[in-house]
Protein backbone atom coordinates (compact mmCIF):
# COMPACT_ATOMS: atom_id res chain seq x y z
CA MET A 1 2.34 0.03 4.91
CA ALA A 2 2.23 1.54 8.40
CA THR A 3 0.93 0.27 11.74
CA ALA A 4 0.01 1.78 15.08
CA HIS A 5 -1.21 0.22 18.33
CA GLU A 6 -3.77 1.69 20.72
CA LYS A 7 -4.46 0.32 24.19
CA SER A 8 -6.83 2.45 26.28
CA HIS A 9 -10.47 2.86 27.31
CA GLY A 10 -11.19 -0.88 27.01
CA ARG A 11 -9.63 -1.12 23.54
CA ASP A 12 -6.58 -3.04 22.38
CA ILE A 13 -6.47 -2.33 18.66
CA THR A 14 -3.80 -2.46 15.99
CA TRP A 15 -4.32 -0.09 13.07
CA THR A 16 -2.80 -1.05 9.73
CA LEU A 17 -2.75 1.31 6.77
CA ARG A 18 -1.94 0.30 3.22
CA ALA A 19 -1.86 2.80 0.40
CA ARG A 20 -1.48 2.26 -3.32
CA GLU A 21 -1.62 4.50 -6.31
CA ALA A 22 -5.12 4.92 -7.70
CA PRO A 23 -5.65 3.27 -11.10
CA GLU A 24 -6.13 5.49 -14.11
CA HIS A 25 -9.94 5.06 -14.29
CA ILE A 26 -10.30 6.37 -10.72
CA SER A 27 -7.89 9.25 -11.32
CA GLN A 28 -9.92 10.23 -14.39
CA ALA A 29 -13.29 9.97 -12.64
CA TRP A 30 -12.11 11.90 -9.55
CA ILE A 31 -9.58 14.44 -10.77
CA GLY A 32 -6.64 14.85 -8.40
CA THR A 33 -7.13 11.52 -6.62
CA SER A 34 -3.76 9.85 -6.30
CA TRP A 35 -4.11 7.14 -3.62
CA ILE A 36 -6.48 4.42 -2.46
CA VAL A 37 -6.02 3.97 1.28
CA GLU A 38 -7.15 0.94 3.29
CA VAL A 39 -7.22 1.22 7.08
CA VAL A 40 -7.85 -1.97 9.07
CA ALA A 41 -8.50 -1.84 12.83
CA GLU A 42 -8.21 -5.22 14.51
CA GLY A 43 -8.13 -6.34 18.13
CA THR A 44 -10.52 -6.26 21.07
CA ARG A 45 -13.01 -3.68 22.26
CA ASP A 46 -14.63 -4.15 25.68
CA GLY A 47 -13.21 -7.70 25.72
CA LYS A 48 -14.87 -8.68 22.43
CA PRO A 49 -13.11 -9.31 19.10
CA PHE A 50 -13.22 -6.30 16.80
CA ARG A 51 -12.32 -5.80 13.13
CA ALA A 52 -13.21 -2.89 10.87
CA THR A 53 -11.97 -1.97 7.40
CA HIS A 54 -12.24 1.54 5.93
CA LEU A 55 -11.37 2.59 2.40
CA PHE A 56 -10.51 6.16 1.40
CA LEU A 57 -9.59 8.04 -1.75
CA THR A 58 -7.16 10.90 -1.27
CA SER A 59 -5.19 13.42 -3.24
CA LEU A 60 -2.53 13.74 -0.53
CA ARG A 61 0.90 12.63 -1.69
CA THR A 62 2.73 11.49 1.41
CA THR A 63 4.00 8.35 3.15
CA PRO A 64 1.71 5.64 4.56
CA LYS A 65 2.98 6.49 8.08
CA ALA A 66 1.96 10.14 7.66
CA LEU A 67 -1.44 9.11 6.26
CA LEU A 68 -2.06 6.83 9.26
CA GLN A 69 -1.33 9.71 11.63
CA LEU A 70 -3.89 11.84 9.74
CA VAL A 71 -6.54 9.11 9.77
């Protein structure tokens, strides 16, 4: 797990990334896929509560912190 905080342009958002190894059925269906990545952005945007979740499949083999920097 990795986190980052952004406070600028009317946003105060914490980004959290969790990555786990893709299960075998996903690795077989999408050859080379090694990770399922979940990125959650939570905080305020223009003074209003904000929460968004994004899911990614990737073949990159690196640390969660490095993945968060790429995302």
